[in-house]
Amino acid sequence: MEQTDTSAAFDLLIWGGASLSLIGLVGLIWCIIYVARARRAKLSDEDMRAKLQKALPMNLGALFLSVIGLMLVILGIFLA
């Protein structure tokens, strides 16, 4: 089976989505480590809230990247 230009484009879609998901996964791991360190530090309630409020946008952004990446991978597989 020959690889056409459209097949190469779908391969890029799959690998691009996989890399986007990997970036999101790294962000999620960073959030887990950040919050675990904050919990181990035994901070006051106010300081803990500030730390968690700082981590929340990063967590949501990383989750969004992971979901979009996985959607691109699935789309690339279905269209290939």
PDB file of N, CA and C in Angstrom:
ATOM      1  N   MET A   1       0.833  -1.166   0.000  1.00  0.00           N
ATOM      2  CA  MET A   1       0.000   0.000   0.000  1.00  0.00           C
ATOM      3  C   MET A   1       0.885   1.240   0.000  1.00  0.00           C
ATOM      4  N   GLU A   2       0.645   2.130  -0.935  1.00  0.00           N
ATOM      5  CA  GLU A   2       1.454   3.338  -1.052  1.00  0.00           C
ATOM      6  C   GLU A   2       1.017   4.380  -0.038  1.00  0.00           C
ATOM      7  N   GLN A   3       1.987   5.192   0.376  1.00  0.00           N
ATOM      8  CA  GLN A   3       1.671   6.273   1.291  1.00  0.00           C
ATOM      9  C   GLN A   3       1.475   7.539   0.470  1.00  0.00           C
ATOM     10  N   THR A   4       0.283   8.092   0.520  1.00  0.00           N
ATOM     11  CA  THR A   4      -0.025   9.294  -0.239  1.00  0.00           C
ATOM     12  C   THR A   4       0.199  10.520   0.633  1.00  0.00           C
ATOM     13  N   ASP A   5      -0.011  11.681   0.025  1.00  0.00           N
ATOM     14  CA  ASP A   5       0.152  12.934   0.779  1.00  0.00           C
ATOM     15  C   ASP A   5      -0.861  13.034   1.908  1.00  0.00           C
ATOM     16  N   THR A   6      -2.089  12.577   1.667  1.00  0.00           N
ATOM     17  CA  THR A   6      -3.102  12.663   2.724  1.00  0.00           C
ATOM     18  C   THR A   6      -2.776  11.710   3.867  1.00  0.00           C
ATOM     19  N   SER A   7      -2.214  10.544   3.535  1.00  0.00           N
ATOM     20  CA  SER A   7      -1.833   9.606   4.585  1.00  0.00           C
ATOM     21  C   SER A   7      -0.714  10.195   5.448  1.00  0.00           C
ATOM     22  N   ALA A   8       0.213  10.895   4.819  1.00  0.00           N
ATOM     23  CA  ALA A   8       1.282  11.542   5.580  1.00  0.00           C
ATOM     24  C   ALA A   8       0.717  12.646   6.473  1.00  0.00           C
ATOM     25  N   ALA A   9      -0.307  13.341   5.990  1.00  0.00           N
ATOM     26  CA  ALA A   9      -0.934  14.389   6.799  1.00  0.00           C
ATOM     27  C   ALA A   9      -1.624  13.782   8.017  1.00  0.00           C
ATOM     28  N   PHE A  10      -2.251  12.618   7.836  1.00  0.00           N
ATOM     29  CA  PHE A  10      -2.900  11.967   8.967  1.00  0.00           C
ATOM     30  C   PHE A  10      -1.877  11.430   9.955  1.00  0.00           C
ATOM     31  N   ASP A  11      -0.734  10.982   9.440  1.00  0.00           N
ATOM     32  CA  ASP A  11       0.344  10.569  10.343  1.00  0.00           C
ATOM     33  C   ASP A  11       0.821  11.747  11.192  1.00  0.00           C
ATOM     34  N   LEU A  12       0.931  12.910  10.568  1.00  0.00           N
ATOM     35  CA  LEU A  12       1.318  14.111  11.324  1.00  0.00           C
ATOM     36  C   LEU A  12       0.255  14.462  12.359  1.00  0.00           C
ATOM     37  N   LEU A  13      -1.007  14.260  11.997  1.00  0.00           N
ATOM     38  CA  LEU A  13      -2.100  14.532  12.927  1.00  0.00           C
ATOM     39  C   LEU A  13      -2.002  13.601  14.137  1.00  0.00           C
ATOM     40  N   ILE A  14      -1.717  12.342  13.877  1.00  0.00           N
ATOM     41  CA  ILE A  14      -1.596  11.362  14.964  1.00  0.00           C
ATOM     42  C   ILE A  14      -0.408  11.692  15.861  1.00  0.00           C
ATOM     43  N   TRP A  15       0.769  11.928  15.266  1.00  0.00           N
ATOM     44  CA  TRP A  15       1.960  12.200  16.072  1.00  0.00           C
ATOM     45  C   TRP A  15       1.886  13.559  16.760  1.00  0.00           C
ATOM     46  N   GLY A  16       1.274  14.531  16.099  1.00  0.00           N
ATOM     47  CA  GLY A  16       1.085  15.835  16.748  1.00  0.00           C
ATOM     48  C   GLY A  16       0.162  15.728  17.949  1.00  0.00           C
ATOM     49  N   GLY A  17      -0.910  14.958  17.790  1.00  0.00           N
ATOM     50  CA  GLY A  17      -1.826  14.747  18.911  1.00  0.00           C
ATOM     51  C   GLY A  17      -1.171  13.999  20.048  1.00  0.00           C
ATOM     52  N   ALA A  18      -0.336  13.013  19.702  1.00  0.00           N
ATOM     53  CA  ALA A  18       0.368  12.262  20.744  1.00  0.00           C
ATOM     54  C   ALA A  18       1.336  13.160  21.510  1.00  0.00           C
ATOM     55  N   SER A  19       2.021  14.033  20.796  1.00  0.00           N
ATOM     56  CA  SER A  19       2.953  14.931  21.483  1.00  0.00           C
ATOM     57  C   SER A  19       2.200  15.952  22.336  1.00  0.00           C
ATOM     58  N   LEU A  20       1.050  16.400  21.862  1.00  0.00           N
ATOM     59  CA  LEU A  20       0.230  17.327  22.650  1.00  0.00           C
ATOM     60  C   LEU A  20      -0.266  16.648  23.923  1.00  0.00           C
ATOM     61  N   SER A  21      -0.674  15.391  23.804  1.00  0.00           N
ATOM     62  CA  SER A  21      -1.110  14.640  24.982  1.00  0.00           C
ATOM     63  C   SER A  21       0.040  14.433  25.959  1.00  0.00           C
ATOM     64  N   LEU A  22       1.220  14.210  25.441  1.00  0.00           N
ATOM     65  CA  LEU A  22       2.387  14.022  26.300  1.00  0.00           C
ATOM     66  C   LEU A  22       2.722  15.306  27.061  1.00  0.00           C
ATOM     67  N   ILE A  23       2.607  16.440  26.391  1.00  0.00           N
ATOM     68  CA  ILE A  23       2.834  17.724  27.060  1.00  0.00           C
ATOM     69  C   ILE A  23       1.812  17.920  28.169  1.00  0.00           C
ATOM     70  N   GLY A  24       0.564  17.579  27.885  1.00  0.00           N
ATOM     71  CA  GLY A  24      -0.481  17.675  28.906  1.00  0.00           C
ATOM     72  C   GLY A  24      -0.222  16.749  30.079  1.00  0.00           C
ATOM     73  N   LEU A  25       0.265  15.555  29.786  1.00  0.00           N
ATOM     74  CA  LEU A  25       0.573  14.605  30.845  1.00  0.00           C
ATOM     75  C   LEU A  25       1.695  15.117  31.735  1.00  0.00           C
ATOM     76  N   VAL A  26       2.702  15.719  31.142  1.00  0.00           N
ATOM     77  CA  VAL A  26       3.793  16.315  31.924  1.00  0.00           C
ATOM     78  C   VAL A  26       3.242  17.421  32.826  1.00  0.00           C
ATOM     79  N   GLY A  27       2.323  18.222  32.298  1.00  0.00           N
ATOM     80  CA  GLY A  27       1.702  19.273  33.104  1.00  0.00           C
ATOM     81  C   GLY A  27       0.903  18.703  34.264  1.00  0.00           C
ATOM     82  N   LEU A  28       0.195  17.615  34.034  1.00  0.00           N
ATOM     83  CA  LEU A  28      -0.566  16.985  35.116  1.00  0.00           C
ATOM     84  C   LEU A  28       0.355  16.421  36.184  1.00  0.00           C
ATOM     85  N   ILE A  29       1.455  15.837  35.770  1.00  0.00           N
ATOM     86  CA  ILE A  29       2.428  15.313  36.739  1.00  0.00           C
ATOM     87  C   ILE A  29       3.033  16.457  37.544  1.00  0.00           C
ATOM     88  N   TRP A  30       3.297  17.588  36.873  1.00  0.00           N
ATOM     89  CA  TRP A  30       3.818  18.753  37.599  1.00  0.00           C
ATOM     90  C   TRP A  30       2.819  19.203  38.664  1.00  0.00           C
ATOM     91  N   CYS A  31       1.528  19.229  38.318  1.00  0.00           N
ATOM     92  CA  CYS A  31       0.507  19.644  39.284  1.00  0.00           C
ATOM     93  C   CYS A  31       0.451  18.701  40.481  1.00  0.00           C
ATOM     94  N   ILE A  32       0.556  17.403  40.230  1.00  0.00           N
ATOM     95  CA  ILE A  32       0.530  16.429  41.318  1.00  0.00           C
ATOM     96  C   ILE A  32       1.709  16.654  42.259  1.00  0.00           C
ATOM     97  N   ILE A  33       2.887  16.849  41.697  1.00  0.00           N
ATOM     98  CA  ILE A  33       4.082  17.068  42.520  1.00  0.00           C
ATOM     99  C   ILE A  33       3.977  18.384  43.282  1.00  0.00           C
ATOM    100  N   TYR A  34       3.478  19.425  42.634  1.00  0.00           N
ATOM    101  CA  TYR A  34       3.339  20.747  43.261  1.00  0.00           C
ATOM    102  C   TYR A  34       2.410  20.692  44.473  1.00  0.00           C
ATOM    103  N   VAL A  35       1.266  20.035  44.315  1.00  0.00           N
ATOM    104  CA  VAL A  35       0.301  19.942  45.412  1.00  0.00           C
ATOM    105  C   VAL A  35       0.816  19.008  46.500  1.00  0.00           C
ATOM    106  N   ALA A  36       1.493  17.935  46.140  1.00  0.00           N
ATOM    107  CA  ALA A  36       2.042  17.030  47.153  1.00  0.00           C
ATOM    108  C   ALA A  36       3.091  17.734  48.011  1.00  0.00           C
ATOM    109  N   ARG A  37       3.909  18.550  47.379  1.00  0.00           N
ATOM    110  CA  ARG A  37       4.902  19.315  48.157  1.00  0.00           C
ATOM    111  C   ARG A  37       4.224  20.319  49.078  1.00  0.00           C
ATOM    112  N   ALA A  38       3.149  20.931  48.593  1.00  0.00           N
ATOM    113  CA  ALA A  38       2.431  21.897  49.429  1.00  0.00           C
ATOM    114  C   ALA A  38       1.788  21.197  50.622  1.00  0.00           C
ATOM    115  N   ARG A  39       1.265  20.003  50.423  1.00  0.00           N
ATOM    116  CA  ARG A  39       0.654  19.271  51.536  1.00  0.00           C
ATOM    117  C   ARG A  39       1.702  18.855  52.556  1.00  0.00           C
ATOM    118  N   ARG A  40       2.876  18.433  52.080  1.00  0.00           N
ATOM    119  CA  ARG A  40       3.938  18.016  52.989  1.00  0.00           C
ATOM    120  C   ARG A  40       4.503  19.186  53.783  1.00  0.00           C
ATOM    121  N   ALA A  41       4.354  20.399  53.263  1.00  0.00           N
ATOM    122  CA  ALA A  41       4.913  21.573  53.938  1.00  0.00           C
ATOM    123  C   ALA A  41       4.081  22.002  55.142  1.00  0.00           C
ATOM    124  N   LYS A  42       2.909  21.395  55.308  1.00  0.00           N
ATOM    125  CA  LYS A  42       2.032  21.710  56.447  1.00  0.00           C
ATOM    126  C   LYS A  42       1.766  23.215  56.539  1.00  0.00           C
ATOM    127  N   LEU A  43       1.302  23.784  55.458  1.00  0.00           N
ATOM    128  CA  LEU A  43       1.029  25.216  55.397  1.00  0.00           C
ATOM    129  C   LEU A  43      -0.266  25.550  56.135  1.00  0.00           C
ATOM    130  N   SER A  44      -0.416  26.829  56.428  1.00  0.00           N
ATOM    131  CA  SER A  44      -1.671  27.272  57.026  1.00  0.00           C
ATOM    132  C   SER A  44      -2.782  27.169  55.976  1.00  0.00           C
ATOM    133  N   ASP A  45      -4.007  27.281  56.421  1.00  0.00           N
ATOM    134  CA  ASP A  45      -5.151  27.134  55.523  1.00  0.00           C
ATOM    135  C   ASP A  45      -5.122  28.182  54.411  1.00  0.00           C
ATOM    136  N   GLU A  46      -4.777  29.401  54.765  1.00  0.00           N
ATOM    137  CA  GLU A  46      -4.730  30.493  53.767  1.00  0.00           C
ATOM    138  C   GLU A  46      -3.636  30.249  52.724  1.00  0.00           C
ATOM    139  N   ASP A  47      -2.463  29.825  53.198  1.00  0.00           N
ATOM    140  CA  ASP A  47      -1.356  29.566  52.274  1.00  0.00           C
ATOM    141  C   ASP A  47      -1.647  28.373  51.362  1.00  0.00           C
ATOM    142  N   MET A  48      -2.307  27.354  51.936  1.00  0.00           N
ATOM    143  CA  MET A  48      -2.652  26.186  51.128  1.00  0.00           C
ATOM    144  C   MET A  48      -3.655  26.563  50.043  1.00  0.00           C
ATOM    145  N   ARG A  49      -4.612  27.395  50.391  1.00  0.00           N
ATOM    146  CA  ARG A  49      -5.591  27.860  49.394  1.00  0.00           C
ATOM    147  C   ARG A  49      -4.901  28.632  48.274  1.00  0.00           C
ATOM    148  N   ALA A  50      -3.937  29.452  48.635  1.00  0.00           N
ATOM    149  CA  ALA A  50      -3.207  30.228  47.621  1.00  0.00           C
ATOM    150  C   ALA A  50      -2.431  29.302  46.696  1.00  0.00           C
ATOM    151  N   LYS A  51      -1.804  28.283  47.259  1.00  0.00           N
ATOM    152  CA  LYS A  51      -1.060  27.327  46.429  1.00  0.00           C
ATOM    153  C   LYS A  51      -1.992  26.566  45.495  1.00  0.00           C
ATOM    154  N   LEU A  52      -3.125  26.119  46.023  1.00  0.00           N
ATOM    155  CA  LEU A  52      -4.069  25.369  45.202  1.00  0.00           C
ATOM    156  C   LEU A  52      -4.698  26.247  44.124  1.00  0.00           C
ATOM    157  N   GLN A  53      -4.948  27.510  44.440  1.00  0.00           N
ATOM    158  CA  GLN A  53      -5.487  28.422  43.427  1.00  0.00           C
ATOM    159  C   GLN A  53      -4.481  28.676  42.322  1.00  0.00           C
ATOM    160  N   LYS A  54      -3.208  28.614  42.648  1.00  0.00           N
ATOM    161  CA  LYS A  54      -2.176  28.783  41.634  1.00  0.00           C
ATOM    162  C   LYS A  54      -2.070  27.537  40.745  1.00  0.00           C
ATOM    163  N   ALA A  55      -2.277  26.367  41.338  1.00  0.00           N
ATOM    164  CA  ALA A  55      -2.144  25.116  40.589  1.00  0.00           C
ATOM    165  C   ALA A  55      -3.373  24.803  39.737  1.00  0.00           C
ATOM    166  N   LEU A  56      -4.527  25.320  40.088  1.00  0.00           N
ATOM    167  CA  LEU A  56      -5.769  24.978  39.389  1.00  0.00           C
ATOM    168  C   LEU A  56      -5.757  25.334  37.903  1.00  0.00           C
ATOM    169  N   PRO A  57      -5.360  26.549  37.495  1.00  0.00           N
ATOM    170  CA  PRO A  57      -5.347  26.847  36.051  1.00  0.00           C
ATOM    171  C   PRO A  57      -4.361  25.970  35.281  1.00  0.00           C
ATOM    172  N   MET A  58      -3.229  25.670  35.885  1.00  0.00           N
ATOM    173  CA  MET A  58      -2.265  24.790  35.233  1.00  0.00           C
ATOM    174  C   MET A  58      -2.846  23.388  35.073  1.00  0.00           C
ATOM    175  N   ASN A  59      -3.537  22.917  36.091  1.00  0.00           N
ATOM    176  CA  ASN A  59      -4.149  21.598  36.048  1.00  0.00           C
ATOM    177  C   ASN A  59      -5.206  21.532  34.943  1.00  0.00           C
ATOM    178  N   LEU A  60      -6.064  22.527  34.872  1.00  0.00           N
ATOM    179  CA  LEU A  60      -7.100  22.540  33.849  1.00  0.00           C
ATOM    180  C   LEU A  60      -6.511  22.684  32.449  1.00  0.00           C
ATOM    181  N   GLY A  61      -5.473  23.492  32.313  1.00  0.00           N
ATOM    182  CA  GLY A  61      -4.817  23.649  31.016  1.00  0.00           C
ATOM    183  C   GLY A  61      -4.156  22.365  30.555  1.00  0.00           C
ATOM    184  N   ALA A  62      -3.501  21.667  31.477  1.00  0.00           N
ATOM    185  CA  ALA A  62      -2.849  20.403  31.136  1.00  0.00           C
ATOM    186  C   ALA A  62      -3.883  19.346  30.766  1.00  0.00           C
ATOM    187  N   LEU A  63      -4.984  19.317  31.485  1.00  0.00           N
ATOM    188  CA  LEU A  63      -6.053  18.377  31.160  1.00  0.00           C
ATOM    189  C   LEU A  63      -6.644  18.682  29.795  1.00  0.00           C
ATOM    190  N   PHE A  64      -6.816  19.950  29.492  1.00  0.00           N
ATOM    191  CA  PHE A  64      -7.335  20.367  28.186  1.00  0.00           C
ATOM    192  C   PHE A  64      -6.394  19.928  27.067  1.00  0.00           C
ATOM    193  N   LEU A  65      -5.101  20.138  27.246  1.00  0.00           N
ATOM    194  CA  LEU A  65      -4.130  19.715  26.233  1.00  0.00           C
ATOM    195  C   LEU A  65      -4.156  18.208  26.021  1.00  0.00           C
ATOM    196  N   SER A  66      -4.265  17.464  27.096  1.00  0.00           N
ATOM    197  CA  SER A  66      -4.312  16.012  26.973  1.00  0.00           C
ATOM    198  C   SER A  66      -5.546  15.559  26.211  1.00  0.00           C
ATOM    199  N   VAL A  67      -6.674  16.143  26.520  1.00  0.00           N
ATOM    200  CA  VAL A  67      -7.918  15.761  25.849  1.00  0.00           C
ATOM    201  C   VAL A  67      -7.883  16.134  24.369  1.00  0.00           C
ATOM    202  N   ILE A  68      -7.436  17.335  24.056  1.00  0.00           N
ATOM    203  CA  ILE A  68      -7.353  17.758  22.654  1.00  0.00           C
ATOM    204  C   ILE A  68      -6.375  16.868  21.885  1.00  0.00           C
ATOM    205  N   GLY A  69      -5.254  16.536  22.501  1.00  0.00           N
ATOM    206  CA  GLY A  69      -4.284  15.652  21.854  1.00  0.00           C
ATOM    207  C   GLY A  69      -4.861  14.281  21.568  1.00  0.00           C
ATOM    208  N   LEU A  70      -5.570  13.726  22.542  1.00  0.00           N
ATOM    209  CA  LEU A  70      -6.180  12.414  22.321  1.00  0.00           C
ATOM    210  C   LEU A  70      -7.264  12.473  21.248  1.00  0.00           C
ATOM    211  N   MET A  71      -7.987  13.576  21.192  1.00  0.00           N
ATOM    212  CA  MET A  71      -8.991  13.736  20.137  1.00  0.00           C
ATOM    213  C   MET A  71      -8.327  13.785  18.760  1.00  0.00           C
ATOM    214  N   LEU A  72      -7.201  14.458  18.663  1.00  0.00           N
ATOM    215  CA  LEU A  72      -6.483  14.503  17.393  1.00  0.00           C
ATOM    216  C   LEU A  72      -5.963  13.126  16.987  1.00  0.00           C
ATOM    217  N   VAL A  73      -5.493  12.357  17.948  1.00  0.00           N
ATOM    218  CA  VAL A  73      -5.018  11.011  17.656  1.00  0.00           C
ATOM    219  C   VAL A  73      -6.163  10.153  17.133  1.00  0.00           C
ATOM    220  N   ILE A  74      -7.290  10.199  17.788  1.00  0.00           N
ATOM    221  CA  ILE A  74      -8.450   9.402  17.363  1.00  0.00           C
ATOM    222  C   ILE A  74      -8.928   9.852  16.002  1.00  0.00           C
ATOM    223  N   LEU A  75      -8.969  11.156  15.779  1.00  0.00           N
ATOM    224  CA  LEU A  75      -9.380  11.677  14.468  1.00  0.00           C
ATOM    225  C   LEU A  75      -8.423  11.225  13.375  1.00  0.00           C
ATOM    226  N   GLY A  76      -7.139  11.271  13.653  1.00  0.00           N
ATOM    227  CA  GLY A  76      -6.146  10.830  12.669  1.00  0.00           C
ATOM    228  C   GLY A  76      -6.259   9.345  12.358  1.00  0.00           C
ATOM    229  N   ILE A  77      -6.567   8.535  13.377  1.00  0.00           N
ATOM    230  CA  ILE A  77      -6.706   7.103  13.157  1.00  0.00           C
ATOM    231  C   ILE A  77      -7.958   6.808  12.342  1.00  0.00           C
ATOM    232  N   PHE A  78      -9.055   7.478  12.659  1.00  0.00           N
ATOM    233  CA  PHE A  78     -10.299   7.237  11.921  1.00  0.00           C
ATOM    234  C   PHE A  78     -10.196   7.670  10.465  1.00  0.00           C
ATOM    235  N   LEU A  79      -9.497   8.765  10.220  1.00  0.00           N
ATOM    236  CA  LEU A  79      -9.422   9.284   8.851  1.00  0.00           C
ATOM    237  C   LEU A  79      -8.329   8.632   8.019  1.00  0.00           C
ATOM    238  N   ALA A  80      -7.381   7.983   8.650  1.00  0.00           N
ATOM    239  CA  ALA A  80      -6.270   7.382   7.900  1.00  0.00           C
ATOM    240  C   ALA A  80      -6.686   6.158   7.138  1.00  0.00           C
TER     241      ALA A  80
END
